[in-house]
Amino acid sequence: MKYSLIGAIALGAATIALPTHAGAAQEGGTVCGRVNAPSSYILSLELSPQHGNIVVAHSANGEVSTRVNVDGTFCFRDLAAELYTVTAFPQAFPGYSKSVTPVAGKTVTIQLDPPNG
């Protein structure tokens, strides 16, 4: 009897704590987008030894990076609500760039186009 009561209390505590944890995971914002570059170019970066197919989000407090899929899509999750400059292929071709401010709990969508394009 003692064990089933302890188990029920533990299960109840875990159920109560679950929504708090799920809400905490959504405090940051999400920035997703597409790099308007030929998939052959992105694939060549993927296959290169330097793996230059990345997108970097740089803010006053640091930077994070993510990979670009062959179809040109990418996502940053759980970013603080501050101004970021998002740049694709910063090592190989830094012209694909845009500024964005994530919104907590929301997804902001951007498109990175080539310079002069």
PDB file of N, CA and C in Angstrom:
ATOM      1  N   MET A   1       0.822  -1.187   0.000  1.00  0.00           N
ATOM      2  CA  MET A   1       0.000   0.000   0.000  1.00  0.00           C
ATOM      3  C   MET A   1       0.867   1.252   0.000  1.00  0.00           C
ATOM      4  N   LYS A   2       1.964   1.219   0.809  1.00  0.00           N
ATOM      5  CA  LYS A   2       2.843   2.376   0.877  1.00  0.00           C
ATOM      6  C   LYS A   2       3.418   2.718  -0.501  1.00  0.00           C
ATOM      7  N   TYR A   3       3.838   1.690  -1.251  1.00  0.00           N
ATOM      8  CA  TYR A   3       4.484   1.922  -2.543  1.00  0.00           C
ATOM      9  C   TYR A   3       3.516   2.504  -3.560  1.00  0.00           C
ATOM     10  N   SER A   4       2.274   2.056  -3.563  1.00  0.00           N
ATOM     11  CA  SER A   4       1.308   2.590  -4.518  1.00  0.00           C
ATOM     12  C   SER A   4       0.966   4.038  -4.176  1.00  0.00           C
ATOM     13  N   LEU A   5       0.930   4.387  -2.899  1.00  0.00           N
ATOM     14  CA  LEU A   5       0.670   5.767  -2.494  1.00  0.00           C
ATOM     15  C   LEU A   5       1.839   6.664  -2.899  1.00  0.00           C
ATOM     16  N   ILE A   6       3.057   6.203  -2.693  1.00  0.00           N
ATOM     17  CA  ILE A   6       4.245   6.966  -3.088  1.00  0.00           C
ATOM     18  C   ILE A   6       4.272   7.128  -4.606  1.00  0.00           C
ATOM     19  N   GLY A   7       3.941   6.066  -5.333  1.00  0.00           N
ATOM     20  CA  GLY A   7       3.895   6.126  -6.791  1.00  0.00           C
ATOM     21  C   GLY A   7       2.850   7.119  -7.277  1.00  0.00           C
ATOM     22  N   ALA A   8       1.690   7.126  -6.654  1.00  0.00           N
ATOM     23  CA  ALA A   8       0.623   8.054  -7.036  1.00  0.00           C
ATOM     24  C   ALA A   8       1.031   9.499  -6.767  1.00  0.00           C
ATOM     25  N   ILE A   9       1.694   9.743  -5.658  1.00  0.00           N
ATOM     26  CA  ILE A   9       2.162  11.089  -5.338  1.00  0.00           C
ATOM     27  C   ILE A   9       3.216  11.535  -6.338  1.00  0.00           C
ATOM     28  N   ALA A  10       4.152  10.652  -6.671  1.00  0.00           N
ATOM     29  CA  ALA A  10       5.202  10.984  -7.639  1.00  0.00           C
ATOM     30  C   ALA A  10       4.606  11.260  -9.017  1.00  0.00           C
ATOM     31  N   LEU A  11       3.635  10.446  -9.435  1.00  0.00           N
ATOM     32  CA  LEU A  11       2.995  10.652 -10.728  1.00  0.00           C
ATOM     33  C   LEU A  11       2.239  11.981 -10.752  1.00  0.00           C
ATOM     34  N   GLY A  12       1.547  12.288  -9.661  1.00  0.00           N
ATOM     35  CA  GLY A  12       0.829  13.568  -9.574  1.00  0.00           C
ATOM     36  C   GLY A  12       1.779  14.747  -9.619  1.00  0.00           C
ATOM     37  N   ALA A  13       2.908  14.655  -8.949  1.00  0.00           N
ATOM     38  CA  ALA A  13       3.895  15.734  -8.952  1.00  0.00           C
ATOM     39  C   ALA A  13       4.492  15.910 -10.338  1.00  0.00           C
ATOM     40  N   ALA A  14       4.750  14.798 -11.026  1.00  0.00           N
ATOM     41  CA  ALA A  14       5.309  14.887 -12.378  1.00  0.00           C
ATOM     42  C   ALA A  14       4.297  15.508 -13.330  1.00  0.00           C
ATOM     43  N   THR A  15       3.027  15.170 -13.173  1.00  0.00           N
ATOM     44  CA  THR A  15       1.986  15.731 -14.041  1.00  0.00           C
ATOM     45  C   THR A  15       1.834  17.226 -13.805  1.00  0.00           C
ATOM     46  N   ILE A  16       1.918  17.668 -12.586  1.00  0.00           N
ATOM     47  CA  ILE A  16       1.814  19.098 -12.277  1.00  0.00           C
ATOM     48  C   ILE A  16       3.026  19.846 -12.807  1.00  0.00           C
ATOM     49  N   ALA A  17       4.207  19.258 -12.721  1.00  0.00           N
ATOM     50  CA  ALA A  17       5.432  19.923 -13.157  1.00  0.00           C
ATOM     51  C   ALA A  17       5.560  19.970 -14.671  1.00  0.00           C
ATOM     52  N   LEU A  18       4.923  19.060 -15.392  1.00  0.00           N
ATOM     53  CA  LEU A  18       5.062  18.981 -16.843  1.00  0.00           C
ATOM     54  C   LEU A  18       4.671  20.258 -17.579  1.00  0.00           C
ATOM     55  N   PRO A  19       3.511  20.877 -17.320  1.00  0.00           N
ATOM     56  CA  PRO A  19       3.192  22.098 -18.058  1.00  0.00           C
ATOM     57  C   PRO A  19       4.176  23.236 -17.805  1.00  0.00           C
ATOM     58  N   THR A  20       4.729  23.334 -16.621  1.00  0.00           N
ATOM     59  CA  THR A  20       5.713  24.370 -16.332  1.00  0.00           C
ATOM     60  C   THR A  20       6.957  24.171 -17.184  1.00  0.00           C
ATOM     61  N   HIS A  21       7.413  22.944 -17.302  1.00  0.00           N
ATOM     62  CA  HIS A  21       8.593  22.649 -18.108  1.00  0.00           C
ATOM     63  C   HIS A  21       8.320  22.937 -19.580  1.00  0.00           C
ATOM     64  N   ALA A  22       7.165  22.537 -20.090  1.00  0.00           N
ATOM     65  CA  ALA A  22       6.836  22.757 -21.497  1.00  0.00           C
ATOM     66  C   ALA A  22       6.760  24.251 -21.802  1.00  0.00           C
ATOM     67  N   GLY A  23       6.243  25.043 -20.880  1.00  0.00           N
ATOM     68  CA  GLY A  23       6.161  26.486 -21.090  1.00  0.00           C
ATOM     69  C   GLY A  23       7.532  27.129 -21.102  1.00  0.00           C
ATOM     70  N   ALA A  24       8.432  26.624 -20.282  1.00  0.00           N
ATOM     71  CA  ALA A  24       9.775  27.193 -20.223  1.00  0.00           C
ATOM     72  C   ALA A  24      10.529  26.982 -21.523  1.00  0.00           C
ATOM     73  N   ALA A  25      10.226  25.896 -22.243  1.00  0.00           N
ATOM     74  CA  ALA A  25      10.928  25.612 -23.494  1.00  0.00           C
ATOM     75  C   ALA A  25      10.553  26.605 -24.593  1.00  0.00           C
ATOM     76  N   GLN A  26       9.449  27.339 -24.432  1.00  0.00           N
ATOM     77  CA  GLN A  26       8.998  28.253 -25.458  1.00  0.00           C
ATOM     78  C   GLN A  26       9.295  29.708 -25.126  1.00  0.00           C
ATOM     79  N   GLU A  27      10.205  29.972 -24.207  1.00  0.00           N
ATOM     80  CA  GLU A  27      10.515  31.347 -23.845  1.00  0.00           C
ATOM     81  C   GLU A  27      11.219  32.100 -24.968  1.00  0.00           C
ATOM     82  N   GLY A  28      12.039  31.410 -25.745  1.00  0.00           N
ATOM     83  CA  GLY A  28      12.751  32.055 -26.836  1.00  0.00           C
ATOM     84  C   GLY A  28      11.926  32.060 -28.106  1.00  0.00           C
ATOM     85  N   GLY A  29      12.442  32.730 -29.114  1.00  0.00           N
ATOM     86  CA  GLY A  29      11.771  32.781 -30.402  1.00  0.00           C
ATOM     87  C   GLY A  29      12.458  31.891 -31.412  1.00  0.00           C
ATOM     88  N   THR A  30      11.778  31.632 -32.507  1.00  0.00           N
ATOM     89  CA  THR A  30      12.302  30.804 -33.582  1.00  0.00           C
ATOM     90  C   THR A  30      12.427  31.647 -34.836  1.00  0.00           C
ATOM     91  N   VAL A  31      13.542  31.519 -35.519  1.00  0.00           N
ATOM     92  CA  VAL A  31      13.742  32.167 -36.810  1.00  0.00           C
ATOM     93  C   VAL A  31      14.026  31.063 -37.816  1.00  0.00           C
ATOM     94  N   CYS A  32      13.150  30.928 -38.796  1.00  0.00           N
ATOM     95  CA  CYS A  32      13.337  29.955 -39.864  1.00  0.00           C
ATOM     96  C   CYS A  32      13.374  30.707 -41.181  1.00  0.00           C
ATOM     97  N   GLY A  33      13.967  30.094 -42.158  1.00  0.00           N
ATOM     98  CA  GLY A  33      14.009  30.766 -43.443  1.00  0.00           C
ATOM     99  C   GLY A  33      14.544  29.888 -44.542  1.00  0.00           C
ATOM    100  N   ARG A  34      14.807  30.566 -45.633  1.00  0.00           N
ATOM    101  CA  ARG A  34      15.333  29.896 -46.820  1.00  0.00           C
ATOM    102  C   ARG A  34      16.408  30.779 -47.422  1.00  0.00           C
ATOM    103  N   VAL A  35      17.503  30.138 -47.816  1.00  0.00           N
ATOM    104  CA  VAL A  35      18.573  30.819 -48.526  1.00  0.00           C
ATOM    105  C   VAL A  35      18.287  30.640 -50.013  1.00  0.00           C
ATOM    106  N   ASN A  36      18.154  31.734 -50.706  1.00  0.00           N
ATOM    107  CA  ASN A  36      17.848  31.688 -52.135  1.00  0.00           C
ATOM    108  C   ASN A  36      19.144  31.492 -52.922  1.00  0.00           C
ATOM    109  N   ALA A  37      19.639  30.258 -52.880  1.00  0.00           N
ATOM    110  CA  ALA A  37      20.866  29.887 -53.595  1.00  0.00           C
ATOM    111  C   ALA A  37      20.605  28.557 -54.288  1.00  0.00           C
ATOM    112  N   PRO A  38      21.275  28.290 -55.390  1.00  0.00           N
ATOM    113  CA  PRO A  38      21.077  27.004 -56.072  1.00  0.00           C
ATOM    114  C   PRO A  38      21.436  25.832 -55.162  1.00  0.00           C
ATOM    115  N   SER A  39      20.615  24.782 -55.210  1.00  0.00           N
ATOM    116  CA  SER A  39      20.885  23.613 -54.370  1.00  0.00           C
ATOM    117  C   SER A  39      22.229  22.982 -54.713  1.00  0.00           C
ATOM    118  N   SER A  40      22.670  23.126 -55.955  1.00  0.00           N
ATOM    119  CA  SER A  40      23.981  22.580 -56.324  1.00  0.00           C
ATOM    120  C   SER A  40      25.102  23.310 -55.575  1.00  0.00           C
ATOM    121  N   TYR A  41      24.928  24.617 -55.360  1.00  0.00           N
ATOM    122  CA  TYR A  41      25.912  25.402 -54.599  1.00  0.00           C
ATOM    123  C   TYR A  41      25.917  24.948 -53.138  1.00  0.00           C
ATOM    124  N   ILE A  42      24.736  24.787 -52.563  1.00  0.00           N
ATOM    125  CA  ILE A  42      24.631  24.348 -51.172  1.00  0.00           C
ATOM    126  C   ILE A  42      25.207  22.942 -51.018  1.00  0.00           C
ATOM    127  N   LEU A  43      24.915  22.057 -51.963  1.00  0.00           N
ATOM    128  CA  LEU A  43      25.439  20.701 -51.915  1.00  0.00           C
ATOM    129  C   LEU A  43      26.964  20.697 -52.023  1.00  0.00           C
ATOM    130  N   SER A  44      27.513  21.570 -52.878  1.00  0.00           N
ATOM    131  CA  SER A  44      28.979  21.622 -52.988  1.00  0.00           C
ATOM    132  C   SER A  44      29.611  22.075 -51.681  1.00  0.00           C
ATOM    133  N   LEU A  45      28.950  22.983 -50.958  1.00  0.00           N
ATOM    134  CA  LEU A  45      29.451  23.402 -49.644  1.00  0.00           C
ATOM    135  C   LEU A  45      29.349  22.266 -48.636  1.00  0.00           C
ATOM    136  N   GLU A  46      28.268  21.509 -48.706  1.00  0.00           N
ATOM    137  CA  GLU A  46      28.081  20.362 -47.804  1.00  0.00           C
ATOM    138  C   GLU A  46      29.175  19.323 -48.012  1.00  0.00           C
ATOM    139  N   LEU A  47      29.547  19.106 -49.253  1.00  0.00           N
ATOM    140  CA  LEU A  47      30.536  18.078 -49.563  1.00  0.00           C
ATOM    141  C   LEU A  47      31.973  18.551 -49.399  1.00  0.00           C
ATOM    142  N   SER A  48      32.170  19.851 -49.235  1.00  0.00           N
ATOM    143  CA  SER A  48      33.532  20.369 -49.090  1.00  0.00           C
ATOM    144  C   SER A  48      34.090  20.017 -47.713  1.00  0.00           C
ATOM    145  N   PRO A  49      35.411  19.941 -47.587  1.00  0.00           N
ATOM    146  CA  PRO A  49      36.015  19.604 -46.286  1.00  0.00           C
ATOM    147  C   PRO A  49      35.707  20.644 -45.199  1.00  0.00           C
ATOM    148  N   GLN A  50      35.449  21.881 -45.583  1.00  0.00           N
ATOM    149  CA  GLN A  50      35.180  22.932 -44.592  1.00  0.00           C
ATOM    150  C   GLN A  50      33.708  22.994 -44.181  1.00  0.00           C
ATOM    151  N   HIS A  51      32.824  22.291 -44.887  1.00  0.00           N
ATOM    152  CA  HIS A  51      31.384  22.322 -44.594  1.00  0.00           C
ATOM    153  C   HIS A  51      30.903  23.758 -44.405  1.00  0.00           C
ATOM    154  N   GLY A  52      31.014  24.569 -45.428  1.00  0.00           N
ATOM    155  CA  GLY A  52      30.650  25.977 -45.337  1.00  0.00           C
ATOM    156  C   GLY A  52      29.178  26.277 -45.487  1.00  0.00           C
ATOM    157  N   ASN A  53      28.312  25.252 -45.441  1.00  0.00           N
ATOM    158  CA  ASN A  53      26.882  25.489 -45.635  1.00  0.00           C
ATOM    159  C   ASN A  53      26.202  25.816 -44.306  1.00  0.00           C
ATOM    160  N   ILE A  54      26.611  26.904 -43.691  1.00  0.00           N
ATOM    161  CA  ILE A  54      26.024  27.287 -42.409  1.00  0.00           C
ATOM    162  C   ILE A  54      25.426  28.683 -42.487  1.00  0.00           C
ATOM    163  N   VAL A  55      24.497  28.917 -41.575  1.00  0.00           N
ATOM    164  CA  VAL A  55      23.905  30.233 -41.367  1.00  0.00           C
ATOM    165  C   VAL A  55      24.276  30.634 -39.945  1.00  0.00           C
ATOM    166  N   VAL A  56      24.717  31.879 -39.779  1.00  0.00           N
ATOM    167  CA  VAL A  56      25.120  32.390 -38.474  1.00  0.00           C
ATOM    168  C   VAL A  56      24.170  33.512 -38.073  1.00  0.00           C
ATOM    169  N   ALA A  57      23.692  33.467 -36.835  1.00  0.00           N
ATOM    170  CA  ALA A  57      22.879  34.547 -36.270  1.00  0.00           C
ATOM    171  C   ALA A  57      23.743  35.245 -35.224  1.00  0.00           C
ATOM    172  N   HIS A  58      24.120  36.485 -35.506  1.00  0.00           N
ATOM    173  CA  HIS A  58      25.034  37.232 -34.633  1.00  0.00           C
ATOM    174  C   HIS A  58      24.259  38.365 -33.947  1.00  0.00           C
ATOM    175  N   SER A  59      24.399  38.453 -32.618  1.00  0.00           N
ATOM    176  CA  SER A  59      23.798  39.540 -31.847  1.00  0.00           C
ATOM    177  C   SER A  59      24.881  40.203 -31.006  1.00  0.00           C
ATOM    178  N   ALA A  60      24.510  41.213 -30.260  1.00  0.00           N
ATOM    179  CA  ALA A  60      25.463  41.893 -29.384  1.00  0.00           C
ATOM    180  C   ALA A  60      25.971  40.957 -28.287  1.00  0.00           C
ATOM    181  N   ASN A  61      25.227  39.894 -27.998  1.00  0.00           N
ATOM    182  CA  ASN A  61      25.593  38.969 -26.923  1.00  0.00           C
ATOM    183  C   ASN A  61      26.231  37.671 -27.399  1.00  0.00           C
ATOM    184  N   GLY A  62      26.528  37.557 -28.693  1.00  0.00           N
ATOM    185  CA  GLY A  62      27.175  36.342 -29.191  1.00  0.00           C
ATOM    186  C   GLY A  62      26.602  35.899 -30.515  1.00  0.00           C
ATOM    187  N   GLU A  63      26.922  34.671 -30.878  1.00  0.00           N
ATOM    188  CA  GLU A  63      26.399  34.141 -32.129  1.00  0.00           C
ATOM    189  C   GLU A  63      26.116  32.653 -32.010  1.00  0.00           C
ATOM    190  N   VAL A  64      25.180  32.204 -32.831  1.00  0.00           N
ATOM    191  CA  VAL A  64      24.845  30.794 -32.944  1.00  0.00           C
ATOM    192  C   VAL A  64      24.827  30.460 -34.432  1.00  0.00           C
ATOM    193  N   SER A  65      25.011  29.186 -34.747  1.00  0.00           N
ATOM    194  CA  SER A  65      24.988  28.799 -36.149  1.00  0.00           C
ATOM    195  C   SER A  65      24.162  27.540 -36.329  1.00  0.00           C
ATOM    196  N   THR A  66      23.721  27.329 -37.549  1.00  0.00           N
ATOM    197  CA  THR A  66      22.980  26.129 -37.919  1.00  0.00           C
ATOM    198  C   THR A  66      23.304  25.801 -39.366  1.00  0.00           C
ATOM    199  N   ARG A  67      23.028  24.586 -39.761  1.00  0.00           N
ATOM    200  CA  ARG A  67      23.312  24.150 -41.126  1.00  0.00           C
ATOM    201  C   ARG A  67      22.162  24.507 -42.053  1.00  0.00           C
ATOM    202  N   VAL A  68      22.490  24.693 -43.312  1.00  0.00           N
ATOM    203  CA  VAL A  68      21.503  24.918 -44.358  1.00  0.00           C
ATOM    204  C   VAL A  68      21.220  23.568 -45.014  1.00  0.00           C
ATOM    205  N   ASN A  69      19.952  23.202 -45.098  1.00  0.00           N
ATOM    206  CA  ASN A  69      19.576  21.980 -45.811  1.00  0.00           C
ATOM    207  C   ASN A  69      19.791  22.193 -47.303  1.00  0.00           C
ATOM    208  N   VAL A  70      19.890  21.118 -48.062  1.00  0.00           N
ATOM    209  CA  VAL A  70      20.141  21.217 -49.499  1.00  0.00           C
ATOM    210  C   VAL A  70      19.041  22.020 -50.197  1.00  0.00           C
ATOM    211  N   ASP A  71      17.817  22.005 -49.665  1.00  0.00           N
ATOM    212  CA  ASP A  71      16.742  22.792 -50.276  1.00  0.00           C
ATOM    213  C   ASP A  71      16.800  24.268 -49.871  1.00  0.00           C
ATOM    214  N   GLY A  72      17.807  24.647 -49.069  1.00  0.00           N
ATOM    215  CA  GLY A  72      17.999  26.041 -48.680  1.00  0.00           C
ATOM    216  C   GLY A  72      17.352  26.439 -47.373  1.00  0.00           C
ATOM    217  N   THR A  73      16.627  25.546 -46.723  1.00  0.00           N
ATOM    218  CA  THR A  73      15.926  25.890 -45.485  1.00  0.00           C
ATOM    219  C   THR A  73      16.839  25.762 -44.264  1.00  0.00           C
ATOM    220  N   PHE A  74      16.508  26.522 -43.230  1.00  0.00           N
ATOM    221  CA  PHE A  74      17.239  26.486 -41.957  1.00  0.00           C
ATOM    222  C   PHE A  74      16.326  26.975 -40.849  1.00  0.00           C
ATOM    223  N   CYS A  75      16.676  26.693 -39.589  1.00  0.00           N
ATOM    224  CA  CYS A  75      15.921  27.183 -38.417  1.00  0.00           C
ATOM    225  C   CYS A  75      16.848  27.387 -37.224  1.00  0.00           C
ATOM    226  N   PHE A  76      16.611  28.468 -36.514  1.00  0.00           N
ATOM    227  CA  PHE A  76      17.213  28.714 -35.204  1.00  0.00           C
ATOM    228  C   PHE A  76      16.070  28.651 -34.198  1.00  0.00           C
ATOM    229  N   ARG A  77      16.251  27.942 -33.113  1.00  0.00           N
ATOM    230  CA  ARG A  77      15.208  27.833 -32.102  1.00  0.00           C
ATOM    231  C   ARG A  77      15.693  28.436 -30.785  1.00  0.00           C
ATOM    232  N   ASP A  78      14.743  28.937 -30.019  1.00  0.00           N
ATOM    233  CA  ASP A  78      14.984  29.449 -28.666  1.00  0.00           C
ATOM    234  C   ASP A  78      15.992  30.601 -28.648  1.00  0.00           C
ATOM    235  N   LEU A  79      15.803  31.575 -29.552  1.00  0.00           N
ATOM    236  CA  LEU A  79      16.657  32.765 -29.571  1.00  0.00           C
ATOM    237  C   LEU A  79      16.060  33.852 -28.684  1.00  0.00           C
ATOM    238  N   ALA A  80      16.912  34.583 -27.991  1.00  0.00           N
ATOM    239  CA  ALA A  80      16.470  35.709 -27.167  1.00  0.00           C
ATOM    240  C   ALA A  80      15.890  36.798 -28.055  1.00  0.00           C
ATOM    241  N   ALA A  81      14.988  37.586 -27.514  1.00  0.00           N
ATOM    242  CA  ALA A  81      14.342  38.662 -28.275  1.00  0.00           C
ATOM    243  C   ALA A  81      15.277  39.868 -28.348  1.00  0.00           C
ATOM    244  N   GLU A  82      16.272  39.764 -29.218  1.00  0.00           N
ATOM    245  CA  GLU A  82      17.203  40.854 -29.468  1.00  0.00           C
ATOM    246  C   GLU A  82      17.531  40.876 -30.955  1.00  0.00           C
ATOM    247  N   LEU A  83      18.134  41.921 -31.423  1.00  0.00           N
ATOM    248  CA  LEU A  83      18.429  42.059 -32.845  1.00  0.00           C
ATOM    249  C   LEU A  83      19.561  41.125 -33.257  1.00  0.00           C
ATOM    250  N   TYR A  84      19.326  40.339 -34.299  1.00  0.00           N
ATOM    251  CA  TYR A  84      20.318  39.429 -34.862  1.00  0.00           C
ATOM    252  C   TYR A  84      20.565  39.807 -36.319  1.00  0.00           C
ATOM    253  N   THR A  85      21.798  39.667 -36.750  1.00  0.00           N
ATOM    254  CA  THR A  85      22.115  39.717 -38.166  1.00  0.00           C
ATOM    255  C   THR A  85      22.337  38.279 -38.585  1.00  0.00           C
ATOM    256  N   VAL A  86      21.504  37.796 -39.489  1.00  0.00           N
ATOM    257  CA  VAL A  86      21.563  36.416 -39.950  1.00  0.00           C
ATOM    258  C   VAL A  86      22.287  36.415 -41.284  1.00  0.00           C
ATOM    259  N   THR A  87      23.373  35.646 -41.379  1.00  0.00           N
ATOM    260  CA  THR A  87      24.196  35.600 -42.586  1.00  0.00           C
ATOM    261  C   THR A  87      24.408  34.156 -42.996  1.00  0.00           C
ATOM    262  N   ALA A  88      24.173  33.875 -44.281  1.00  0.00           N
ATOM    263  CA  ALA A  88      24.425  32.537 -44.816  1.00  0.00           C
ATOM    264  C   ALA A  88      25.808  32.491 -45.445  1.00  0.00           C
ATOM    265  N   PHE A  89      26.443  31.345 -45.329  1.00  0.00           N
ATOM    266  CA  PHE A  89      27.745  31.092 -45.936  1.00  0.00           C
ATOM    267  C   PHE A  89      28.771  32.172 -45.585  1.00  0.00           C
ATOM    268  N   PRO A  90      28.946  32.508 -44.310  1.00  0.00           N
ATOM    269  CA  PRO A  90      29.832  33.624 -43.955  1.00  0.00           C
ATOM    270  C   PRO A  90      31.284  33.423 -44.374  1.00  0.00           C
ATOM    271  N   GLN A  91      31.735  32.178 -44.439  1.00  0.00           N
ATOM    272  CA  GLN A  91      33.122  31.933 -44.841  1.00  0.00           C
ATOM    273  C   GLN A  91      33.277  31.927 -46.353  1.00  0.00           C
ATOM    274  N   ALA A  92      32.318  31.310 -47.042  1.00  0.00           N
ATOM    275  CA  ALA A  92      32.440  31.147 -48.483  1.00  0.00           C
ATOM    276  C   ALA A  92      31.933  32.353 -49.273  1.00  0.00           C
ATOM    277  N   PHE A  93      30.826  32.942 -48.817  1.00  0.00           N
ATOM    278  CA  PHE A  93      30.199  34.015 -49.583  1.00  0.00           C
ATOM    279  C   PHE A  93      29.289  34.808 -48.655  1.00  0.00           C
ATOM    280  N   PRO A  94      29.801  35.802 -47.947  1.00  0.00           N
ATOM    281  CA  PRO A  94      29.064  36.454 -46.868  1.00  0.00           C
ATOM    282  C   PRO A  94      27.966  37.434 -47.277  1.00  0.00           C
ATOM    283  N   GLY A  95      27.605  37.523 -48.530  1.00  0.00           N
ATOM    284  CA  GLY A  95      26.633  38.519 -48.964  1.00  0.00           C
ATOM    285  C   GLY A  95      25.189  38.244 -48.612  1.00  0.00           C
ATOM    286  N   TYR A  96      24.835  37.000 -48.292  1.00  0.00           N
ATOM    287  CA  TYR A  96      23.457  36.664 -47.948  1.00  0.00           C
ATOM    288  C   TYR A  96      23.223  37.060 -46.492  1.00  0.00           C
ATOM    289  N   SER A  97      22.522  38.179 -46.253  1.00  0.00           N
ATOM    290  CA  SER A  97      22.393  38.675 -44.887  1.00  0.00           C
ATOM    291  C   SER A  97      21.073  39.420 -44.689  1.00  0.00           C
ATOM    292  N   LYS A  98      20.532  39.356 -43.453  1.00  0.00           N
ATOM    293  CA  LYS A  98      19.306  40.075 -43.105  1.00  0.00           C
ATOM    294  C   LYS A  98      19.262  40.244 -41.591  1.00  0.00           C
ATOM    295  N   SER A  99      18.683  41.356 -41.126  1.00  0.00           N
ATOM    296  CA  SER A  99      18.501  41.598 -39.691  1.00  0.00           C
ATOM    297  C   SER A  99      17.095  41.181 -39.278  1.00  0.00           C
ATOM    298  N   VAL A 100      16.994  40.599 -38.086  1.00  0.00           N
ATOM    299  CA  VAL A 100      15.708  40.113 -37.594  1.00  0.00           C
ATOM    300  C   VAL A 100      15.716  40.118 -36.070  1.00  0.00           C
ATOM    301  N   THR A 101      14.549  40.339 -35.470  1.00  0.00           N
ATOM    302  CA  THR A 101      14.384  40.232 -34.022  1.00  0.00           C
ATOM    303  C   THR A 101      13.362  39.142 -33.733  1.00  0.00           C
ATOM    304  N   PRO A 102      13.779  38.036 -33.106  1.00  0.00           N
ATOM    305  CA  PRO A 102      12.826  36.965 -32.768  1.00  0.00           C
ATOM    306  C   PRO A 102      11.793  37.436 -31.754  1.00  0.00           C
ATOM    307  N   VAL A 103      10.625  36.790 -31.768  1.00  0.00           N
ATOM    308  CA  VAL A 103       9.549  37.076 -30.827  1.00  0.00           C
ATOM    309  C   VAL A 103       9.323  35.816 -29.996  1.00  0.00           C
ATOM    310  N   ALA A 104       9.339  35.954 -28.686  1.00  0.00           N
ATOM    311  CA  ALA A 104       9.191  34.801 -27.791  1.00  0.00           C
ATOM    312  C   ALA A 104       7.936  34.002 -28.126  1.00  0.00           C
ATOM    313  N   GLY A 105       8.100  32.680 -28.266  1.00  0.00           N
ATOM    314  CA  GLY A 105       6.983  31.796 -28.525  1.00  0.00           C
ATOM    315  C   GLY A 105       6.466  31.828 -29.955  1.00  0.00           C
ATOM    316  N   LYS A 106       7.091  32.583 -30.839  1.00  0.00           N
ATOM    317  CA  LYS A 106       6.637  32.719 -32.228  1.00  0.00           C
ATOM    318  C   LYS A 106       7.747  32.300 -33.191  1.00  0.00           C
ATOM    319  N   THR A 107       7.361  32.095 -34.452  1.00  0.00           N
ATOM    320  CA  THR A 107       8.315  31.807 -35.514  1.00  0.00           C
ATOM    321  C   THR A 107       8.319  32.966 -36.492  1.00  0.00           C
ATOM    322  N   VAL A 108       9.474  33.541 -36.712  1.00  0.00           N
ATOM    323  CA  VAL A 108       9.668  34.599 -37.704  1.00  0.00           C
ATOM    324  C   VAL A 108      10.317  33.943 -38.916  1.00  0.00           C
ATOM    325  N   THR A 109       9.784  34.221 -40.097  1.00  0.00           N
ATOM    326  CA  THR A 109      10.286  33.631 -41.327  1.00  0.00           C
ATOM    327  C   THR A 109      11.007  34.700 -42.146  1.00  0.00           C
ATOM    328  N   ILE A 110      12.214  34.370 -42.611  1.00  0.00           N
ATOM    329  CA  ILE A 110      12.981  35.300 -43.443  1.00  0.00           C
ATOM    330  C   ILE A 110      13.488  34.582 -44.685  1.00  0.00           C
ATOM    331  N   GLN A 111      13.853  35.364 -45.668  1.00  0.00           N
ATOM    332  CA  GLN A 111      14.487  34.824 -46.881  1.00  0.00           C
ATOM    333  C   GLN A 111      15.793  35.563 -47.084  1.00  0.00           C
ATOM    334  N   LEU A 112      16.844  34.800 -47.297  1.00  0.00           N
ATOM    335  CA  LEU A 112      18.151  35.387 -47.547  1.00  0.00           C
ATOM    336  C   LEU A 112      18.434  35.308 -49.046  1.00  0.00           C
ATOM    337  N   ASP A 113      18.500  36.457 -49.678  1.00  0.00           N
ATOM    338  CA  ASP A 113      18.758  36.558 -51.108  1.00  0.00           C
ATOM    339  C   ASP A 113      20.202  36.949 -51.351  1.00  0.00           C
ATOM    340  N   PRO A 114      20.730  36.598 -52.518  1.00  0.00           N
ATOM    341  CA  PRO A 114      22.101  36.989 -52.828  1.00  0.00           C
ATOM    342  C   PRO A 114      22.218  38.504 -52.940  1.00  0.00           C
ATOM    343  N   PRO A 115      23.398  39.054 -52.668  1.00  0.00           N
ATOM    344  CA  PRO A 115      23.564  40.500 -52.812  1.00  0.00           C
ATOM    345  C   PRO A 115      23.327  40.890 -54.273  1.00  0.00           C
ATOM    346  N   ASN A 116      22.746  42.061 -54.451  1.00  0.00           N
ATOM    347  CA  ASN A 116      22.431  42.584 -55.782  1.00  0.00           C
ATOM    348  C   ASN A 116      21.516  41.645 -56.562  1.00  0.00           C
ATOM    349  N   GLY A 117      20.721  40.847 -55.839  1.00  0.00           N
ATOM    350  CA  GLY A 117      19.881  39.894 -56.554  1.00  0.00           C
ATOM    351  C   GLY A 117      18.455  39.925 -56.189  1.00  0.00           C
TER     352      GLY A 117
END
